[in-house]
Amino acid sequence: MAQADAFKANGASVVLIYPGAAASVQQYAADFITGKTLPENFHFVTDPDLRTVSLYGLRWDAPNETAYPSTIVIDRQGIVRFVKISHSHGDRSSAPDVLAVLQGLK
């Protein structure tokens, strides 16, 4: 969350999607978020039964995994401007990389 102010300055809303089985996703999500305060332009939602994961083809079918870590930038007109689907946890998009995409949209 160190870059939260930079995202806000760029007019971005950040949506964090926590995927999982409907029977347990709410509890796991609560455990994940407990003790954390999100900036006002960050939104935390759940994806019961992996509906969003399936819709976007992000299913990571490996033990203890649900979805590939992914970053999608959608502009105010609903056009997808950037997508990075990481096939490992270490290959995630960095905040500076996403901020550069946002700067390019101005």
N, C-alpha and C. Protein backbone atom coordinates (compact mmCIF):
# COMPACT_ATOMS: atom_id res chain seq x y z
N MET A 1 0.82 -1.19 0.00
CA MET A 1 0.00 0.00 0.00
C MET A 1 0.87 1.26 0.00
N ALA A 2 2.17 1.09 -0.13
CA ALA A 2 3.08 2.23 -0.10
C ALA A 2 2.82 3.21 -1.23
N GLN A 3 2.26 2.75 -2.32
CA GLN A 3 2.00 3.59 -3.49
C GLN A 3 0.55 4.07 -3.56
N ALA A 4 -0.21 3.89 -2.51
CA ALA A 4 -1.64 4.23 -2.52
C ALA A 4 -1.89 5.67 -2.91
N ASP A 5 -1.10 6.60 -2.40
CA ASP A 5 -1.29 8.01 -2.73
C ASP A 5 -1.04 8.27 -4.21
N ALA A 6 -0.07 7.58 -4.79
CA ALA A 6 0.21 7.75 -6.21
C ALA A 6 -0.95 7.23 -7.07
N PHE A 7 -1.56 6.13 -6.67
CA PHE A 7 -2.73 5.62 -7.39
C PHE A 7 -3.88 6.62 -7.29
N LYS A 8 -4.07 7.16 -6.11
CA LYS A 8 -5.15 8.14 -5.90
C LYS A 8 -4.89 9.40 -6.74
N ALA A 9 -3.66 9.86 -6.76
CA ALA A 9 -3.31 11.06 -7.54
C ALA A 9 -3.55 10.86 -9.03
N ASN A 10 -3.49 9.61 -9.48
CA ASN A 10 -3.75 9.29 -10.88
C ASN A 10 -5.22 8.99 -11.14
N GLY A 11 -6.05 9.16 -10.12
CA GLY A 11 -7.49 8.95 -10.27
C GLY A 11 -7.89 7.49 -10.37
N ALA A 12 -7.04 6.61 -9.88
CA ALA A 12 -7.31 5.17 -10.01
C ALA A 12 -8.05 4.62 -8.81
N SER A 13 -8.94 3.70 -9.09
CA SER A 13 -9.55 2.85 -8.08
C SER A 13 -8.91 1.48 -8.24
N VAL A 14 -8.55 0.87 -7.14
CA VAL A 14 -7.91 -0.44 -7.16
C VAL A 14 -8.89 -1.44 -6.56
N VAL A 15 -9.14 -2.51 -7.31
CA VAL A 15 -10.05 -3.56 -6.83
C VAL A 15 -9.22 -4.82 -6.60
N LEU A 16 -9.20 -5.27 -5.38
CA LEU A 16 -8.52 -6.51 -5.02
C LEU A 16 -9.57 -7.61 -4.96
N ILE A 17 -9.40 -8.64 -5.77
CA ILE A 17 -10.39 -9.72 -5.83
C ILE A 17 -9.81 -10.95 -5.17
N TYR A 18 -10.52 -11.45 -4.15
CA TYR A 18 -10.11 -12.64 -3.42
C TYR A 18 -10.98 -13.81 -3.88
N PRO A 19 -10.42 -14.76 -4.65
CA PRO A 19 -11.22 -15.87 -5.17
C PRO A 19 -11.26 -17.07 -4.24
N GLY A 20 -12.34 -17.84 -4.34
CA GLY A 20 -12.42 -19.07 -3.57
C GLY A 20 -13.79 -19.71 -3.65
N ALA A 21 -13.89 -20.87 -3.08
CA ALA A 21 -15.17 -21.59 -3.03
C ALA A 21 -16.15 -20.81 -2.16
N ALA A 22 -17.39 -20.73 -2.60
CA ALA A 22 -18.41 -19.93 -1.91
C ALA A 22 -18.55 -20.32 -0.44
N ALA A 23 -18.39 -21.58 -0.14
CA ALA A 23 -18.59 -22.05 1.24
C ALA A 23 -17.53 -21.51 2.20
N SER A 24 -16.37 -21.13 1.68
CA SER A 24 -15.29 -20.73 2.59
C SER A 24 -14.65 -19.38 2.26
N VAL A 25 -14.95 -18.80 1.11
CA VAL A 25 -14.22 -17.60 0.68
C VAL A 25 -14.41 -16.42 1.63
N GLN A 26 -15.59 -16.26 2.21
CA GLN A 26 -15.80 -15.13 3.12
C GLN A 26 -14.91 -15.22 4.35
N GLN A 27 -14.78 -16.41 4.91
CA GLN A 27 -13.93 -16.56 6.09
C GLN A 27 -12.46 -16.36 5.75
N TYR A 28 -12.00 -16.95 4.63
CA TYR A 28 -10.61 -16.77 4.23
C TYR A 28 -10.31 -15.30 3.93
N ALA A 29 -11.25 -14.64 3.29
CA ALA A 29 -11.08 -13.22 2.98
C ALA A 29 -11.01 -12.40 4.26
N ALA A 30 -11.86 -12.71 5.21
CA ALA A 30 -11.84 -11.99 6.49
C ALA A 30 -10.51 -12.20 7.20
N ASP A 31 -9.99 -13.42 7.17
CA ASP A 31 -8.69 -13.70 7.77
C ASP A 31 -7.59 -12.91 7.07
N PHE A 32 -7.68 -12.80 5.74
CA PHE A 32 -6.68 -12.10 4.94
C PHE A 32 -6.66 -10.60 5.24
N ILE A 33 -7.82 -10.00 5.42
CA ILE A 33 -7.93 -8.55 5.56
C ILE A 33 -7.88 -8.08 7.01
N THR A 34 -8.07 -8.98 7.96
CA THR A 34 -8.10 -8.59 9.37
C THR A 34 -6.82 -7.85 9.76
N GLY A 35 -7.02 -6.71 10.42
CA GLY A 35 -5.90 -5.91 10.88
C GLY A 35 -5.34 -4.97 9.83
N LYS A 36 -5.91 -4.98 8.64
CA LYS A 36 -5.43 -4.12 7.56
C LYS A 36 -6.46 -3.03 7.29
N THR A 37 -5.99 -1.86 6.99
CA THR A 37 -6.86 -0.76 6.59
C THR A 37 -6.52 -0.40 5.15
N LEU A 38 -7.51 -0.48 4.29
CA LEU A 38 -7.28 -0.15 2.89
C LEU A 38 -7.51 1.34 2.66
N PRO A 39 -6.73 1.94 1.77
CA PRO A 39 -6.99 3.33 1.40
C PRO A 39 -8.39 3.45 0.79
N GLU A 40 -8.94 4.66 0.82
CA GLU A 40 -10.32 4.86 0.36
C GLU A 40 -10.55 4.49 -1.11
N ASN A 41 -9.52 4.54 -1.94
CA ASN A 41 -9.69 4.20 -3.35
C ASN A 41 -9.36 2.74 -3.65
N PHE A 42 -9.18 1.93 -2.60
CA PHE A 42 -8.96 0.50 -2.74
C PHE A 42 -10.22 -0.23 -2.28
N HIS A 43 -10.60 -1.24 -3.03
CA HIS A 43 -11.82 -1.99 -2.74
C HIS A 43 -11.48 -3.48 -2.71
N PHE A 44 -11.96 -4.16 -1.70
CA PHE A 44 -11.69 -5.59 -1.51
C PHE A 44 -12.99 -6.35 -1.69
N VAL A 45 -13.03 -7.24 -2.67
CA VAL A 45 -14.24 -8.03 -2.94
C VAL A 45 -13.86 -9.50 -3.04
N THR A 46 -14.86 -10.34 -2.89
CA THR A 46 -14.62 -11.78 -3.03
C THR A 46 -15.19 -12.27 -4.35
N ASP A 47 -14.69 -13.40 -4.78
CA ASP A 47 -15.13 -14.05 -6.01
C ASP A 47 -15.57 -15.47 -5.68
N PRO A 48 -16.80 -15.60 -5.12
CA PRO A 48 -17.29 -16.93 -4.77
C PRO A 48 -17.38 -17.84 -6.00
N ASP A 49 -16.94 -19.06 -5.80
CA ASP A 49 -16.98 -20.08 -6.86
C ASP A 49 -16.17 -19.71 -8.09
N LEU A 50 -15.23 -18.77 -7.94
CA LEU A 50 -14.27 -18.44 -9.00
C LEU A 50 -14.95 -17.95 -10.28
N ARG A 51 -16.05 -17.25 -10.15
CA ARG A 51 -16.77 -16.79 -11.34
C ARG A 51 -15.95 -15.80 -12.17
N THR A 52 -15.34 -14.83 -11.52
CA THR A 52 -14.50 -13.87 -12.25
C THR A 52 -13.28 -14.57 -12.80
N VAL A 53 -12.68 -15.43 -12.00
CA VAL A 53 -11.52 -16.21 -12.43
C VAL A 53 -11.85 -16.98 -13.70
N SER A 54 -12.99 -17.64 -13.73
CA SER A 54 -13.39 -18.42 -14.90
C SER A 54 -13.69 -17.52 -16.10
N LEU A 55 -14.39 -16.43 -15.85
CA LEU A 55 -14.75 -15.51 -16.93
C LEU A 55 -13.53 -14.99 -17.66
N TYR A 56 -12.47 -14.70 -16.93
CA TYR A 56 -11.26 -14.14 -17.53
C TYR A 56 -10.17 -15.17 -17.81
N GLY A 57 -10.47 -16.46 -17.60
CA GLY A 57 -9.50 -17.51 -17.90
C GLY A 57 -8.26 -17.47 -17.01
N LEU A 58 -8.45 -17.17 -15.73
CA LEU A 58 -7.33 -17.00 -14.81
C LEU A 58 -7.13 -18.18 -13.87
N ARG A 59 -7.81 -19.28 -14.09
CA ARG A 59 -7.76 -20.42 -13.17
C ARG A 59 -6.37 -21.02 -13.14
N TRP A 60 -5.79 -21.09 -11.94
CA TRP A 60 -4.50 -21.72 -11.70
C TRP A 60 -4.79 -23.03 -11.04
N ASP A 61 -4.80 -24.07 -11.81
CA ASP A 61 -5.20 -25.39 -11.33
C ASP A 61 -3.99 -26.13 -10.78
N ALA A 62 -3.54 -25.68 -9.63
CA ALA A 62 -2.41 -26.31 -8.94
C ALA A 62 -2.78 -26.43 -7.47
N PRO A 63 -2.13 -27.34 -6.74
CA PRO A 63 -2.46 -27.49 -5.31
C PRO A 63 -2.34 -26.15 -4.56
N ASN A 64 -3.34 -25.85 -3.75
CA ASN A 64 -3.39 -24.66 -2.91
C ASN A 64 -3.45 -23.35 -3.70
N GLU A 65 -3.84 -23.39 -4.95
CA GLU A 65 -3.96 -22.18 -5.77
C GLU A 65 -5.39 -22.07 -6.30
N THR A 66 -5.79 -20.87 -6.63
CA THR A 66 -7.11 -20.65 -7.22
C THR A 66 -7.02 -19.89 -8.53
N ALA A 67 -6.20 -18.83 -8.55
CA ALA A 67 -6.12 -17.99 -9.74
C ALA A 67 -4.71 -17.46 -9.92
N TYR A 68 -4.33 -17.26 -11.18
CA TYR A 68 -3.05 -16.62 -11.44
C TYR A 68 -3.10 -15.19 -10.93
N PRO A 69 -2.04 -14.72 -10.27
CA PRO A 69 -1.99 -13.31 -9.87
C PRO A 69 -2.06 -12.46 -11.15
N SER A 70 -3.01 -11.56 -11.20
CA SER A 70 -3.24 -10.81 -12.43
C SER A 70 -3.49 -9.34 -12.14
N THR A 71 -3.07 -8.52 -13.08
CA THR A 71 -3.31 -7.08 -13.02
C THR A 71 -3.96 -6.67 -14.32
N ILE A 72 -5.09 -5.98 -14.19
CA ILE A 72 -5.82 -5.50 -15.37
C ILE A 72 -6.13 -4.03 -15.13
N VAL A 73 -5.77 -3.19 -16.09
CA VAL A 73 -6.09 -1.77 -16.02
C VAL A 73 -7.19 -1.50 -17.03
N ILE A 74 -8.29 -0.97 -16.52
CA ILE A 74 -9.45 -0.64 -17.36
C ILE A 74 -9.68 0.86 -17.25
N ASP A 75 -9.78 1.53 -18.40
CA ASP A 75 -9.97 2.98 -18.35
C ASP A 75 -11.42 3.34 -18.06
N ARG A 76 -11.69 4.61 -17.97
CA ARG A 76 -13.03 5.09 -17.59
C ARG A 76 -14.10 4.77 -18.63
N GLN A 77 -13.69 4.45 -19.84
CA GLN A 77 -14.64 4.06 -20.88
C GLN A 77 -14.86 2.55 -20.93
N GLY A 78 -14.20 1.82 -20.02
CA GLY A 78 -14.35 0.37 -19.95
C GLY A 78 -13.43 -0.39 -20.89
N ILE A 79 -12.43 0.29 -21.45
CA ILE A 79 -11.49 -0.35 -22.37
C ILE A 79 -10.30 -0.88 -21.57
N VAL A 80 -9.97 -2.15 -21.81
CA VAL A 80 -8.82 -2.76 -21.14
C VAL A 80 -7.55 -2.17 -21.77
N ARG A 81 -6.71 -1.56 -20.93
CA ARG A 81 -5.50 -0.89 -21.40
C ARG A 81 -4.22 -1.64 -21.05
N PHE A 82 -4.31 -2.57 -20.12
CA PHE A 82 -3.12 -3.31 -19.70
C PHE A 82 -3.56 -4.60 -19.05
N VAL A 83 -2.85 -5.69 -19.36
CA VAL A 83 -3.11 -6.98 -18.72
C VAL A 83 -1.76 -7.65 -18.47
N LYS A 84 -1.60 -8.14 -17.26
CA LYS A 84 -0.46 -9.00 -16.95
C LYS A 84 -0.97 -10.15 -16.12
N ILE A 85 -0.84 -11.35 -16.67
CA ILE A 85 -1.21 -12.57 -15.96
C ILE A 85 0.09 -13.26 -15.59
N SER A 86 0.34 -13.38 -14.31
CA SER A 86 1.59 -13.94 -13.81
C SER A 86 1.41 -15.43 -13.55
N HIS A 87 2.34 -16.22 -14.05
CA HIS A 87 2.26 -17.66 -13.85
C HIS A 87 3.11 -18.12 -12.67
N SER A 88 3.51 -17.14 -11.85
CA SER A 88 4.17 -17.43 -10.58
C SER A 88 3.92 -16.24 -9.66
N HIS A 89 4.07 -16.44 -8.38
CA HIS A 89 3.84 -15.35 -7.44
C HIS A 89 4.91 -14.27 -7.57
N GLY A 90 6.11 -14.65 -7.98
CA GLY A 90 7.21 -13.70 -8.09
C GLY A 90 7.17 -12.83 -9.32
N ASP A 91 6.25 -13.10 -10.24
CA ASP A 91 6.20 -12.37 -11.51
C ASP A 91 5.05 -11.37 -11.54
N ARG A 92 4.58 -10.95 -10.40
CA ARG A 92 3.44 -10.03 -10.35
C ARG A 92 3.84 -8.65 -10.86
N SER A 93 2.83 -7.89 -11.29
CA SER A 93 3.06 -6.50 -11.70
C SER A 93 3.51 -5.69 -10.49
N SER A 94 4.42 -4.77 -10.73
CA SER A 94 4.84 -3.89 -9.65
C SER A 94 3.99 -2.62 -9.68
N ALA A 95 3.87 -1.97 -8.55
CA ALA A 95 3.12 -0.72 -8.48
C ALA A 95 3.70 0.32 -9.45
N PRO A 96 5.03 0.50 -9.51
CA PRO A 96 5.57 1.47 -10.47
C PRO A 96 5.21 1.16 -11.93
N ASP A 97 5.18 -0.13 -12.28
CA ASP A 97 4.80 -0.50 -13.66
C ASP A 97 3.35 -0.11 -13.95
N VAL A 98 2.46 -0.36 -12.99
CA VAL A 98 1.04 -0.01 -13.19
C VAL A 98 0.88 1.50 -13.19
N LEU A 99 1.60 2.19 -12.34
CA LEU A 99 1.52 3.65 -12.32
C LEU A 99 2.00 4.25 -13.65
N ALA A 100 2.99 3.63 -14.27
CA ALA A 100 3.45 4.09 -15.58
C ALA A 100 2.35 3.94 -16.62
N VAL A 101 1.60 2.85 -16.56
CA VAL A 101 0.47 2.66 -17.47
C VAL A 101 -0.56 3.76 -17.22
N LEU A 102 -0.87 4.04 -15.97
CA LEU A 102 -1.85 5.08 -15.65
C LEU A 102 -1.39 6.44 -16.15
N GLN A 103 -0.11 6.74 -16.00
CA GLN A 103 0.43 8.01 -16.49
C GLN A 103 0.25 8.11 -18.01
N GLY A 104 0.42 7.00 -18.70
CA GLY A 104 0.27 6.97 -20.15
C GLY A 104 -1.17 7.20 -20.60
N LEU A 105 -2.12 7.02 -19.72
CA LEU A 105 -3.53 7.22 -20.07
C LEU A 105 -3.95 8.68 -19.99
N LYS A 106 -3.12 9.50 -19.37
CA LYS A 106 -3.47 10.91 -19.20
C LYS A 106 -3.27 11.70 -20.47
